[in-house]
Each structure stands twice: as C-alpha cells, then as structure tokens.
PDB file of N, CA and C in Angstrom:
ATOM      1  N   MET A   1      64.727 125.881 173.768  1.00  0.00           N
ATOM      2  CA  MET A   1      64.835 124.916 172.711  1.00  0.00           C
ATOM      3  C   MET A   1      64.930 125.681 171.388  1.00  0.00           C
ATOM      4  N   ILE A   2      65.747 125.190 170.509  1.00  0.00           N
ATOM      5  CA  ILE A   2      65.852 125.752 169.165  1.00  0.00           C
ATOM      6  C   ILE A   2      65.642 124.612 168.181  1.00  0.00           C
ATOM      7  N   MET A   3      64.813 124.844 167.171  1.00  0.00           N
ATOM      8  CA  MET A   3      64.528 123.792 166.205  1.00  0.00           C
ATOM      9  C   MET A   3      64.447 124.363 164.796  1.00  0.00           C
ATOM     10  N   ASN A   4      64.996 123.620 163.852  1.00  0.00           N
ATOM     11  CA  ASN A   4      64.906 123.940 162.435  1.00  0.00           C
ATOM     12  C   ASN A   4      64.465 122.668 161.704  1.00  0.00           C
ATOM     13  N   PRO A   5      63.151 122.327 161.785  1.00  0.00           N
ATOM     14  CA  PRO A   5      62.681 121.083 161.161  1.00  0.00           C
ATOM     15  C   PRO A   5      62.635 121.195 159.640  1.00  0.00           C
ATOM     16  N   LEU A   6      62.410 120.062 159.004  1.00  0.00           N
ATOM     17  CA  LEU A   6      62.227 120.050 157.559  1.00  0.00           C
ATOM     18  C   LEU A   6      61.078 120.980 157.196  1.00  0.00           C
ATOM     19  N   PHE A   7      61.279 121.819 156.206  1.00  0.00           N
ATOM     20  CA  PHE A   7      60.212 122.712 155.776  1.00  0.00           C
ATOM     21  C   PHE A   7      59.124 121.901 155.079  1.00  0.00           C
ATOM     22  N   SER A   8      57.874 122.129 155.492  1.00  0.00           N
ATOM     23  CA  SER A   8      56.699 121.514 154.873  1.00  0.00           C
ATOM     24  C   SER A   8      56.846 120.003 154.729  1.00  0.00           C
ATOM     25  N   ASP A   9      57.297 119.356 155.782  1.00  0.00           N
ATOM     26  CA  ASP A   9      57.531 117.907 155.828  1.00  0.00           C
ATOM     27  C   ASP A   9      56.289 117.151 155.344  1.00  0.00           C
ATOM     28  N   LYS A  10      56.421 116.436 154.244  1.00  0.00           N
ATOM     29  CA  LYS A  10      55.295 115.717 153.633  1.00  0.00           C
ATOM     30  C   LYS A  10      55.007 114.382 154.312  1.00  0.00           C
ATOM     31  N   ASP A  11      55.924 113.902 155.147  1.00  0.00           N
ATOM     32  CA  ASP A  11      55.774 112.595 155.777  1.00  0.00           C
ATOM     33  C   ASP A  11      55.874 112.715 157.294  1.00  0.00           C
ATOM     34  N   TRP A  12      55.296 113.763 157.853  1.00  0.00           N
ATOM     35  CA  TRP A  12      55.461 114.043 159.268  1.00  0.00           C
ATOM     36  C   TRP A  12      54.781 113.029 160.171  1.00  0.00           C
ATOM     37  N   THR A  13      53.740 112.355 159.686  1.00  0.00           N
ATOM     38  CA  THR A  13      53.055 111.399 160.556  1.00  0.00           C
ATOM     39  C   THR A  13      53.905 110.160 160.793  1.00  0.00           C
ATOM     40  N   ASP A  14      54.719 109.766 159.835  1.00  0.00           N
ATOM     41  CA  ASP A  14      55.636 108.633 159.961  1.00  0.00           C
ATOM     42  C   ASP A  14      55.009 107.445 160.687  1.00  0.00           C
ATOM     43  N   GLY A  15      53.765 107.135 160.292  1.00  0.00           N
ATOM     44  CA  GLY A  15      53.107 105.964 160.844  1.00  0.00           C
ATOM     45  C   GLY A  15      52.229 106.199 162.059  1.00  0.00           C
ATOM     46  N   ILE A  16      52.271 107.394 162.665  1.00  0.00           N
ATOM     47  CA  ILE A  16      51.401 107.643 163.815  1.00  0.00           C
ATOM     48  C   ILE A  16      50.022 108.083 163.326  1.00  0.00           C
ATOM     49  N   LYS A  17      49.019 107.862 164.144  1.00  0.00           N
ATOM     50  CA  LYS A  17      47.680 108.372 163.865  1.00  0.00           C
ATOM     51  C   LYS A  17      47.506 109.611 164.731  1.00  0.00           C
ATOM     52  N   PRO A  18      47.531 110.796 164.130  1.00  0.00           N
ATOM     53  CA  PRO A  18      47.447 112.022 164.933  1.00  0.00           C
ATOM     54  C   PRO A  18      46.247 112.065 165.880  1.00  0.00           C
ATOM     55  N   SER A  19      45.126 111.482 165.468  1.00  0.00           N
ATOM     56  CA  SER A  19      43.938 111.499 166.331  1.00  0.00           C
ATOM     57  C   SER A  19      44.110 110.601 167.559  1.00  0.00           C
ATOM     58  N   GLU A  20      45.117 109.721 167.527  1.00  0.00           N
ATOM     59  CA  GLU A  20      45.386 108.814 168.647  1.00  0.00           C
ATOM     60  C   GLU A  20      46.767 109.069 169.259  1.00  0.00           C
ATOM     61  N   ASP A  21      47.281 110.260 169.100  1.00  0.00           N
ATOM     62  CA  ASP A  21      48.621 110.606 169.576  1.00  0.00           C
ATOM     63  C   ASP A  21      48.718 110.456 171.092  1.00  0.00           C
ATOM     64  N   LYS A  22      49.569 109.537 171.545  1.00  0.00           N
ATOM     65  CA  LYS A  22      49.669 109.281 172.987  1.00  0.00           C
ATOM     66  C   LYS A  22      50.241 110.459 173.765  1.00  0.00           C
ATOM     67  N   TYR A  23      50.924 111.378 173.088  1.00  0.00           N
ATOM     68  CA  TYR A  23      51.481 112.551 173.766  1.00  0.00           C
ATOM     69  C   TYR A  23      50.511 113.737 173.761  1.00  0.00           C
ATOM     70  N   LYS A  24      49.403 113.596 173.051  1.00  0.00           N
ATOM     71  CA  LYS A  24      48.351 114.612 173.000  1.00  0.00           C
ATOM     72  C   LYS A  24      48.861 115.973 172.511  1.00  0.00           C
ATOM     73  N   ARG A  25      49.747 115.934 171.526  1.00  0.00           N
ATOM     74  CA  ARG A  25      50.328 117.166 170.994  1.00  0.00           C
ATOM     75  C   ARG A  25      49.313 118.047 170.274  1.00  0.00           C
ATOM     76  N   PHE A  26      48.239 117.453 169.775  1.00  0.00           N
ATOM     77  CA  PHE A  26      47.304 118.213 168.952  1.00  0.00           C
ATOM     78  C   PHE A  26      46.033 118.605 169.702  1.00  0.00           C
ATOM     79  N   ASP A  27      45.885 118.128 170.930  1.00  0.00           N
ATOM     80  CA  ASP A  27      44.695 118.427 171.725  1.00  0.00           C
ATOM     81  C   ASP A  27      44.567 119.928 171.959  1.00  0.00           C
ATOM     82  N   GLY A  28      43.405 120.450 171.627  1.00  0.00           N
ATOM     83  CA  GLY A  28      43.138 121.870 171.814  1.00  0.00           C
ATOM     84  C   GLY A  28      43.629 122.746 170.683  1.00  0.00           C
ATOM     85  N   TYR A  29      44.295 122.161 169.701  1.00  0.00           N
ATOM     86  CA  TYR A  29      44.826 122.943 168.587  1.00  0.00           C
ATOM     87  C   TYR A  29      44.278 122.483 167.245  1.00  0.00           C
ATOM     88  N   GLY A  30      44.154 121.182 167.050  1.00  0.00           N
ATOM     89  CA  GLY A  30      43.754 120.630 165.761  1.00  0.00           C
ATOM     90  C   GLY A  30      44.912 119.867 165.145  1.00  0.00           C
ATOM     91  N   ILE A  31      44.607 119.122 164.112  1.00  0.00           N
ATOM     92  CA  ILE A  31      45.605 118.288 163.445  1.00  0.00           C
ATOM     93  C   ILE A  31      46.094 118.989 162.186  1.00  0.00           C
ATOM     94  N   PRO A  32      47.412 119.101 162.028  1.00  0.00           N
ATOM     95  CA  PRO A  32      47.972 119.733 160.831  1.00  0.00           C
ATOM     96  C   PRO A  32      47.626 118.938 159.571  1.00  0.00           C
ATOM     97  N   PRO A  33      47.724 119.581 158.413  1.00  0.00           N
ATOM     98  CA  PRO A  33      47.450 118.877 157.159  1.00  0.00           C
ATOM     99  C   PRO A  33      48.372 117.667 156.991  1.00  0.00           C
ATOM    100  N   GLU A  34      47.837 116.632 156.394  1.00  0.00           N
ATOM    101  CA  GLU A  34      48.589 115.386 156.223  1.00  0.00           C
ATOM    102  C   GLU A  34      49.880 115.579 155.439  1.00  0.00           C
ATOM    103  N   LYS A  35      49.867 116.474 154.462  1.00  0.00           N
ATOM    104  CA  LYS A  35      51.038 116.647 153.601  1.00  0.00           C
ATOM    105  C   LYS A  35      51.827 117.920 153.884  1.00  0.00           C
ATOM    106  N   ASN A  36      51.652 118.472 155.089  1.00  0.00           N
ATOM    107  CA  ASN A  36      52.425 119.658 155.452  1.00  0.00           C
ATOM    108  C   ASN A  36      52.627 119.661 156.969  1.00  0.00           C
ATOM    109  N   GLY A  37      53.824 119.306 157.407  1.00  0.00           N
ATOM    110  CA  GLY A  37      54.088 119.111 158.827  1.00  0.00           C
ATOM    111  C   GLY A  37      54.629 120.295 159.592  1.00  0.00           C
ATOM    112  N   ASP A  38      54.562 121.497 159.040  1.00  0.00           N
ATOM    113  CA  ASP A  38      55.121 122.647 159.747  1.00  0.00           C
ATOM    114  C   ASP A  38      54.511 122.809 161.141  1.00  0.00           C
ATOM    115  N   TYR A  39      53.198 122.772 161.227  1.00  0.00           N
ATOM    116  CA  TYR A  39      52.564 122.914 162.535  1.00  0.00           C
ATOM    117  C   TYR A  39      52.656 121.651 163.373  1.00  0.00           C
ATOM    118  N   ALA A  40      52.883 120.502 162.765  1.00  0.00           N
ATOM    119  CA  ALA A  40      53.124 119.285 163.553  1.00  0.00           C
ATOM    120  C   ALA A  40      54.401 119.473 164.369  1.00  0.00           C
ATOM    121  N   TRP A  41      55.439 119.979 163.726  1.00  0.00           N
ATOM    122  CA  TRP A  41      56.703 120.230 164.443  1.00  0.00           C
ATOM    123  C   TRP A  41      56.527 121.341 165.474  1.00  0.00           C
ATOM    124  N   PHE A  42      55.794 122.373 165.100  1.00  0.00           N
ATOM    125  CA  PHE A  42      55.541 123.479 166.023  1.00  0.00           C
ATOM    126  C   PHE A  42      54.851 122.965 167.288  1.00  0.00           C
ATOM    127  N   LEU A  43      53.797 122.158 167.120  1.00  0.00           N
ATOM    128  CA  LEU A  43      53.062 121.643 168.273  1.00  0.00           C
ATOM    129  C   LEU A  43      53.880 120.630 169.070  1.00  0.00           C
ATOM    130  N   HIS A  44      54.770 119.933 168.402  1.00  0.00           N
ATOM    131  CA  HIS A  44      55.680 119.021 169.103  1.00  0.00           C
ATOM    132  C   HIS A  44      56.570 119.802 170.076  1.00  0.00           C
ATOM    133  N   VAL A  45      57.112 120.905 169.608  1.00  0.00           N
ATOM    134  CA  VAL A  45      57.947 121.755 170.457  1.00  0.00           C
ATOM    135  C   VAL A  45      57.104 122.330 171.597  1.00  0.00           C
ATOM    136  N   LEU A  46      55.933 122.827 171.274  1.00  0.00           N
ATOM    137  CA  LEU A  46      55.062 123.419 172.285  1.00  0.00           C
ATOM    138  C   LEU A  46      54.743 122.422 173.399  1.00  0.00           C
ATOM    139  N   LYS A  47      54.455 121.190 173.037  1.00  0.00           N
ATOM    140  CA  LYS A  47      54.138 120.152 174.025  1.00  0.00           C
ATOM    141  C   LYS A  47      55.370 119.769 174.852  1.00  0.00           C
ATOM    142  N   ALA A  48      56.542 119.795 174.229  1.00  0.00           N
ATOM    143  CA  ALA A  48      57.773 119.396 174.918  1.00  0.00           C
ATOM    144  C   ALA A  48      58.238 120.438 175.940  1.00  0.00           C
ATOM    145  N   LEU A  49      57.837 121.685 175.756  1.00  0.00           N
ATOM    146  CA  LEU A  49      58.261 122.747 176.667  1.00  0.00           C
ATOM    147  C   LEU A  49      57.544 122.651 178.010  1.00  0.00           C
ATOM    148  N   GLU A  50      58.269 122.917 179.068  1.00  0.00           N
ATOM    149  CA  GLU A  50      57.647 123.009 180.385  1.00  0.00           C
ATOM    150  C   GLU A  50      56.888 124.327 180.484  1.00  0.00           C
ATOM    151  N   SER A  51      56.182 124.539 181.565  1.00  0.00           N
ATOM    152  CA  SER A  51      55.333 125.729 181.698  1.00  0.00           C
ATOM    153  C   SER A  51      56.119 127.038 181.676  1.00  0.00           C
ATOM    154  N   ASN A  52      57.417 126.982 181.924  1.00  0.00           N
ATOM    155  CA  ASN A  52      58.248 128.187 181.855  1.00  0.00           C
ATOM    156  C   ASN A  52      59.213 128.142 180.669  1.00  0.00           C
ATOM    157  N   GLY A  53      58.952 127.234 179.722  1.00  0.00           N
ATOM    158  CA  GLY A  53      59.854 127.022 178.598  1.00  0.00           C
ATOM    159  C   GLY A  53      59.815 128.107 177.533  1.00  0.00           C
ATOM    160  N   LYS A  54      60.924 128.182 176.812  1.00  0.00           N
ATOM    161  CA  LYS A  54      61.064 129.121 175.708  1.00  0.00           C
ATOM    162  C   LYS A  54      61.649 128.388 174.515  1.00  0.00           C
ATOM    163  N   ALA A  55      61.318 128.849 173.306  1.00  0.00           N
ATOM    164  CA  ALA A  55      61.821 128.175 172.109  1.00  0.00           C
ATOM    165  C   ALA A  55      61.902 129.151 170.952  1.00  0.00           C
ATOM    166  N   GLY A  56      62.714 128.786 169.988  1.00  0.00           N
ATOM    167  CA  GLY A  56      62.788 129.469 168.708  1.00  0.00           C
ATOM    168  C   GLY A  56      62.686 128.409 167.622  1.00  0.00           C
ATOM    169  N   ILE A  57      61.705 128.539 166.735  1.00  0.00           N
ATOM    170  CA  ILE A  57      61.485 127.551 165.684  1.00  0.00           C
ATOM    171  C   ILE A  57      61.593 128.235 164.335  1.00  0.00           C
ATOM    172  N   ILE A  58      62.446 127.694 163.474  1.00  0.00           N
ATOM    173  CA  ILE A  58      62.603 128.236 162.127  1.00  0.00           C
ATOM    174  C   ILE A  58      61.655 127.474 161.215  1.00  0.00           C
ATOM    175  N   LEU A  59      60.708 128.195 160.628  1.00  0.00           N
ATOM    176  CA  LEU A  59      59.700 127.591 159.754  1.00  0.00           C
ATOM    177  C   LEU A  59      59.524 128.446 158.501  1.00  0.00           C
ATOM    178  N   PRO A  60      58.958 127.854 157.445  1.00  0.00           N
ATOM    179  CA  PRO A  60      58.708 128.655 156.253  1.00  0.00           C
ATOM    180  C   PRO A  60      57.706 129.772 156.547  1.00  0.00           C
ATOM    181  N   HIS A  61      57.850 130.847 155.840  1.00  0.00           N
ATOM    182  CA  HIS A  61      57.021 132.038 156.036  1.00  0.00           C
ATOM    183  C   HIS A  61      55.523 131.741 155.918  1.00  0.00           C
ATOM    184  N   GLY A  62      55.172 130.711 155.174  1.00  0.00           N
ATOM    185  CA  GLY A  62      53.774 130.358 154.953  1.00  0.00           C
ATOM    186  C   GLY A  62      52.995 130.033 156.212  1.00  0.00           C
ATOM    187  N   VAL A  63      53.664 129.622 157.283  1.00  0.00           N
ATOM    188  CA  VAL A  63      52.945 129.295 158.518  1.00  0.00           C
ATOM    189  C   VAL A  63      52.233 130.516 159.093  1.00  0.00           C
ATOM    190  N   LEU A  64      52.632 131.688 158.666  1.00  0.00           N
ATOM    191  CA  LEU A  64      52.034 132.914 159.201  1.00  0.00           C
ATOM    192  C   LEU A  64      50.701 133.270 158.556  1.00  0.00           C
ATOM    193  N   PHE A  65      50.370 132.661 157.401  1.00  0.00           N
ATOM    194  CA  PHE A  65      49.149 133.081 156.710  1.00  0.00           C
ATOM    195  C   PHE A  65      48.340 131.974 156.046  1.00  0.00           C
ATOM    196  N   ARG A  66      48.788 130.717 156.067  1.00  0.00           N
ATOM    197  CA  ARG A  66      48.005 129.650 155.434  1.00  0.00           C
ATOM    198  C   ARG A  66      46.661 129.487 156.139  1.00  0.00           C
ATOM    199  N   VAL A  67      45.654 129.016 155.384  1.00  0.00           N
ATOM    200  CA  VAL A  67      44.286 128.892 155.902  1.00  0.00           C
ATOM    201  C   VAL A  67      43.948 127.441 156.243  1.00  0.00           C
ATOM    202  N   ASN A  68      42.678 127.193 156.505  1.00  0.00           N
ATOM    203  CA  ASN A  68      42.119 125.887 156.858  1.00  0.00           C
ATOM    204  C   ASN A  68      42.650 125.402 158.202  1.00  0.00           C
ATOM    205  N   SER A  69      43.100 124.157 158.296  1.00  0.00           N
ATOM    206  CA  SER A  69      43.503 123.614 159.599  1.00  0.00           C
ATOM    207  C   SER A  69      44.683 124.372 160.198  1.00  0.00           C
ATOM    208  N   GLU A  70      45.572 124.895 159.355  1.00  0.00           N
ATOM    209  CA  GLU A  70      46.712 125.656 159.889  1.00  0.00           C
ATOM    210  C   GLU A  70      46.252 126.978 160.498  1.00  0.00           C
ATOM    211  N   GLU A  71      45.236 127.579 159.930  1.00  0.00           N
ATOM    212  CA  GLU A  71      44.690 128.809 160.503  1.00  0.00           C
ATOM    213  C   GLU A  71      44.054 128.533 161.865  1.00  0.00           C
ATOM    214  N   THR A  72      43.364 127.404 161.974  1.00  0.00           N
ATOM    215  CA  THR A  72      42.754 127.008 163.244  1.00  0.00           C
ATOM    216  C   THR A  72      43.815 126.814 164.325  1.00  0.00           C
ATOM    217  N   ILE A  73      44.884 126.133 163.968  1.00  0.00           N
ATOM    218  CA  ILE A  73      45.987 125.905 164.918  1.00  0.00           C
ATOM    219  C   ILE A  73      46.622 127.233 165.314  1.00  0.00           C
ATOM    220  N   ARG A  74      46.893 128.067 164.322  1.00  0.00           N
ATOM    221  CA  ARG A  74      47.535 129.362 164.578  1.00  0.00           C
ATOM    222  C   ARG A  74      46.690 130.212 165.531  1.00  0.00           C
ATOM    223  N   LYS A  75      45.369 130.249 165.324  1.00  0.00           N
ATOM    224  CA  LYS A  75      44.498 131.028 166.210  1.00  0.00           C
ATOM    225  C   LYS A  75      44.520 130.482 167.636  1.00  0.00           C
ATOM    226  N   ALA A  76      44.536 129.153 167.781  1.00  0.00           N
ATOM    227  CA  ALA A  76      44.579 128.556 169.123  1.00  0.00           C
ATOM    228  C   ALA A  76      45.876 128.918 169.834  1.00  0.00           C
ATOM    229  N   VAL A  77      46.988 128.908 169.105  1.00  0.00           N
ATOM    230  CA  VAL A  77      48.284 129.280 169.694  1.00  0.00           C
ATOM    231  C   VAL A  77      48.290 130.769 170.051  1.00  0.00           C
ATOM    232  N   LEU A  78      47.751 131.589 169.157  1.00  0.00           N
ATOM    233  CA  LEU A  78      47.702 133.033 169.431  1.00  0.00           C
ATOM    234  C   LEU A  78      46.815 133.334 170.631  1.00  0.00           C
ATOM    235  N   ASN A  79      45.706 132.612 170.773  1.00  0.00           N
ATOM    236  CA  ASN A  79      44.822 132.815 171.927  1.00  0.00           C
ATOM    237  C   ASN A  79      45.537 132.561 173.243  1.00  0.00           C
ATOM    238  N   LYS A  80      46.500 131.667 173.243  1.00  0.00           N
ATOM    239  CA  LYS A  80      47.239 131.362 174.466  1.00  0.00           C
ATOM    240  C   LYS A  80      48.435 132.291 174.664  1.00  0.00           C
ATOM    241  N   ARG A  81      48.665 133.169 173.704  1.00  0.00           N
ATOM    242  CA  ARG A  81      49.753 134.150 173.791  1.00  0.00           C
ATOM    243  C   ARG A  81      51.129 133.519 173.965  1.00  0.00           C
ATOM    244  N   TYR A  82      51.343 132.370 173.337  1.00  0.00           N
ATOM    245  CA  TYR A  82      52.641 131.703 173.413  1.00  0.00           C
ATOM    246  C   TYR A  82      53.680 132.371 172.514  1.00  0.00           C
ATOM    247  N   ILE A  83      53.245 133.003 171.451  1.00  0.00           N
ATOM    248  CA  ILE A  83      54.193 133.616 170.512  1.00  0.00           C
ATOM    249  C   ILE A  83      54.568 135.005 171.015  1.00  0.00           C
ATOM    250  N   LYS A  84      55.864 135.194 171.259  1.00  0.00           N
ATOM    251  CA  LYS A  84      56.349 136.469 171.774  1.00  0.00           C
ATOM    252  C   LYS A  84      57.011 137.323 170.705  1.00  0.00           C
ATOM    253  N   GLY A  85      57.341 136.710 169.607  1.00  0.00           N
ATOM    254  CA  GLY A  85      57.963 137.486 168.534  1.00  0.00           C
ATOM    255  C   GLY A  85      58.157 136.650 167.293  1.00  0.00           C
ATOM    256  N   ILE A  86      58.287 137.341 166.172  1.00  0.00           N
ATOM    257  CA  ILE A  86      58.542 136.695 164.885  1.00  0.00           C
ATOM    258  C   ILE A  86      59.631 137.479 164.178  1.00  0.00           C
ATOM    259  N   VAL A  87      60.644 136.756 163.716  1.00  0.00           N
ATOM    260  CA  VAL A  87      61.736 137.370 162.964  1.00  0.00           C
ATOM    261  C   VAL A  87      61.636 136.864 161.537  1.00  0.00           C
ATOM    262  N   ASP A  88      61.367 137.767 160.594  1.00  0.00           N
ATOM    263  CA  ASP A  88      61.317 137.374 159.189  1.00  0.00           C
ATOM    264  C   ASP A  88      62.729 137.237 158.648  1.00  0.00           C
ATOM    265  N   LEU A  89      62.955 136.162 157.903  1.00  0.00           N
ATOM    266  CA  LEU A  89      64.248 135.910 157.264  1.00  0.00           C
ATOM    267  C   LEU A  89      64.083 136.008 155.753  1.00  0.00           C
ATOM    268  N   PRO A  90      65.089 136.427 155.039  1.00  0.00           N
ATOM    269  CA  PRO A  90      64.964 136.605 153.593  1.00  0.00           C
ATOM    270  C   PRO A  90      64.965 135.279 152.831  1.00  0.00           C
ATOM    271  N   ALA A  91      64.527 135.350 151.596  1.00  0.00           N
ATOM    272  CA  ALA A  91      64.586 134.196 150.692  1.00  0.00           C
ATOM    273  C   ALA A  91      66.046 133.841 150.420  1.00  0.00           C
ATOM    274  N   ASN A  92      66.269 132.617 149.991  1.00  0.00           N
ATOM    275  CA  ASN A  92      67.597 132.121 149.598  1.00  0.00           C
ATOM    276  C   ASN A  92      68.613 132.104 150.742  1.00  0.00           C
ATOM    277  N   LEU A  93      68.146 132.045 151.951  1.00  0.00           N
ATOM    278  CA  LEU A  93      69.046 132.006 153.095  1.00  0.00           C
ATOM    279  C   LEU A  93      69.532 130.585 153.384  1.00  0.00           C
ATOM    280  N   PHE A  94      68.656 129.597 153.159  1.00  0.00           N
ATOM    281  CA  PHE A  94      68.983 128.209 153.464  1.00  0.00           C
ATOM    282  C   PHE A  94      69.291 127.418 152.206  1.00  0.00           C
ATOM    283  N   TYR A  95      70.273 126.553 152.305  1.00  0.00           N
ATOM    284  CA  TYR A  95      70.661 125.689 151.204  1.00  0.00           C
ATOM    285  C   TYR A  95      69.494 124.782 150.822  1.00  0.00           C
ATOM    286  N   GLY A  96      69.205 124.679 149.559  1.00  0.00           N
ATOM    287  CA  GLY A  96      68.184 123.761 149.079  1.00  0.00           C
ATOM    288  C   GLY A  96      66.789 124.346 148.957  1.00  0.00           C
ATOM    289  N   THR A  97      66.584 125.558 149.425  1.00  0.00           N
ATOM    290  CA  THR A  97      65.277 126.187 149.278  1.00  0.00           C
ATOM    291  C   THR A  97      65.441 127.692 149.106  1.00  0.00           C
ATOM    292  N   GLY A  98      64.617 128.245 148.247  1.00  0.00           N
ATOM    293  CA  GLY A  98      64.675 129.682 148.014  1.00  0.00           C
ATOM    294  C   GLY A  98      63.576 130.437 148.738  1.00  0.00           C
ATOM    295  N   ILE A  99      62.720 129.714 149.474  1.00  0.00           N
ATOM    296  CA  ILE A  99      61.592 130.394 150.106  1.00  0.00           C
ATOM    297  C   ILE A  99      62.027 131.164 151.354  1.00  0.00           C
ATOM    298  N   PRO A 100      61.318 132.251 151.658  1.00  0.00           N
ATOM    299  CA  PRO A 100      61.630 132.979 152.891  1.00  0.00           C
ATOM    300  C   PRO A 100      61.197 132.172 154.105  1.00  0.00           C
ATOM    301  N   ALA A 101      61.781 132.460 155.233  1.00  0.00           N
ATOM    302  CA  ALA A 101      61.473 131.739 156.467  1.00  0.00           C
ATOM    303  C   ALA A 101      61.247 132.737 157.597  1.00  0.00           C
ATOM    304  N   SER A 102      60.843 132.204 158.726  1.00  0.00           N
ATOM    305  CA  SER A 102      60.634 133.016 159.923  1.00  0.00           C
ATOM    306  C   SER A 102      61.139 132.253 161.143  1.00  0.00           C
ATOM    307  N   ILE A 103      61.611 132.987 162.111  1.00  0.00           N
ATOM    308  CA  ILE A 103      61.921 132.401 163.413  1.00  0.00           C
ATOM    309  C   ILE A 103      60.775 132.810 164.329  1.00  0.00           C
ATOM    310  N   ILE A 104      60.072 131.822 164.854  1.00  0.00           N
ATOM    311  CA  ILE A 104      58.961 132.101 165.751  1.00  0.00           C
ATOM    312  C   ILE A 104      59.449 131.880 167.182  1.00  0.00           C
ATOM    313  N   ILE A 105      59.343 132.908 167.990  1.00  0.00           N
ATOM    314  CA  ILE A 105      59.812 132.874 169.372  1.00  0.00           C
ATOM    315  C   ILE A 105      58.631 132.550 170.287  1.00  0.00           C
ATOM    316  N   ILE A 106      58.788 131.491 171.084  1.00  0.00           N
ATOM    317  CA  ILE A 106      57.742 131.044 171.997  1.00  0.00           C
ATOM    318  C   ILE A 106      58.202 131.276 173.435  1.00  0.00           C
ATOM    319  N   ASP A 107      57.276 131.760 174.257  1.00  0.00           N
ATOM    320  CA  ASP A 107      57.526 131.939 175.685  1.00  0.00           C
ATOM    321  C   ASP A 107      56.283 131.476 176.434  1.00  0.00           C
ATOM    322  N   LYS A 108      56.326 130.270 176.994  1.00  0.00           N
ATOM    323  CA  LYS A 108      55.163 129.751 177.724  1.00  0.00           C
ATOM    324  C   LYS A 108      55.046 130.364 179.115  1.00  0.00           C
ATOM    325  N   GLU A 109      56.161 130.807 179.668  1.00  0.00           N
ATOM    326  CA  GLU A 109      56.155 131.304 181.047  1.00  0.00           C
ATOM    327  C   GLU A 109      55.294 132.549 181.208  1.00  0.00           C
ATOM    328  N   ASN A 110      55.358 133.445 180.273  1.00  0.00           N
ATOM    329  CA  ASN A 110      54.647 134.717 180.406  1.00  0.00           C
ATOM    330  C   ASN A 110      53.409 134.791 179.525  1.00  0.00           C
ATOM    331  N   ALA A 111      52.836 133.649 179.189  1.00  0.00           N
ATOM    332  CA  ALA A 111      51.632 133.609 178.344  1.00  0.00           C
ATOM    333  C   ALA A 111      50.390 133.833 179.184  1.00  0.00           C
ATOM    334  N   GLU A 112      49.380 134.375 178.546  1.00  0.00           N
ATOM    335  CA  GLU A 112      48.091 134.559 179.203  1.00  0.00           C
ATOM    336  C   GLU A 112      47.012 134.342 178.154  1.00  0.00           C
ATOM    337  N   TYR A 113      45.947 133.703 178.506  1.00  0.00           N
ATOM    338  CA  TYR A 113      44.896 133.359 177.542  1.00  0.00           C
ATOM    339  C   TYR A 113      44.066 134.575 177.176  1.00  0.00           C
ATOM    340  N   VAL A 114      43.855 134.770 175.880  1.00  0.00           N
ATOM    341  CA  VAL A 114      42.958 135.798 175.350  1.00  0.00           C
ATOM    342  C   VAL A 114      42.187 135.159 174.201  1.00  0.00           C
ATOM    343  N   THR A 115      41.148 135.810 173.746  1.00  0.00           N
ATOM    344  CA  THR A 115      40.403 135.312 172.595  1.00  0.00           C
ATOM    345  C   THR A 115      40.680 136.200 171.406  1.00  0.00           C
ATOM    346  N   ILE A 116      41.199 135.594 170.338  1.00  0.00           N
ATOM    347  CA  ILE A 116      41.491 136.310 169.106  1.00  0.00           C
ATOM    348  C   ILE A 116      40.663 135.663 168.008  1.00  0.00           C
ATOM    349  N   GLY A 117      39.805 136.465 167.368  1.00  0.00           N
ATOM    350  CA  GLY A 117      38.939 136.061 166.258  1.00  0.00           C
ATOM    351  C   GLY A 117      38.954 134.665 165.979  1.00  0.00           C
TER     352      GLY A 117
END
C-alpha cells in the first residue's frame, strides 16, 4: 500500500469518536491529537494491512520527533518493529507546502516485538 494523506489533517476524526472506533485502529497505540491526523492516517494503514503487508506512507517530518500522544504512538509502533526504513525528503518538494517530509516504510511480515524505552 502507498499513501500520501493530507499533512497534519486538522479534521481527521470527521465525526467519528476515536475511543469508540469500530475498526479498533487505535487499540494498543493511543489516540492521535485531535488537531493533527498524521498518526491517525498511519494507524489506519497499519490496521488495513494483513499480517504480511507492506506499505509506504508519506508524512511530514514532524512525525519522527513530536512528543505527547504522538510519542506514545511512535514508541508502540517501534516496539512492534513495523518500521523497516525511513526516507527523508527535502523541503519544498510538494506543491502547497514547504515543509520536509518522510516516507515511512512498514513491513508487518518480518516484525518482531521488542521493548523500546
């Protein structure tokens, strides 16, 4: 799967209650910030992948270092070893935004659980 969602989507809930998500996309990871949907899209892709699935998600560079609930989600994903690689992209690459981005490569097939801080 390849996805390039809206960067920092401010309206990602679009009427759903994340705590009552029938697809359970946030279970075991946490709920992304209400006004920043980068990890909402990330977890949507993660849930949609089968156990041997692979994906590439283009997200703003900030997903790699933001704190609070995004840090909690990032640590949970890292503990499961789903991320196999990150490709940094330069600023001004995409029309309409000057911020740098990253392609996050996911591989669920070869993941193994570890504990990371």
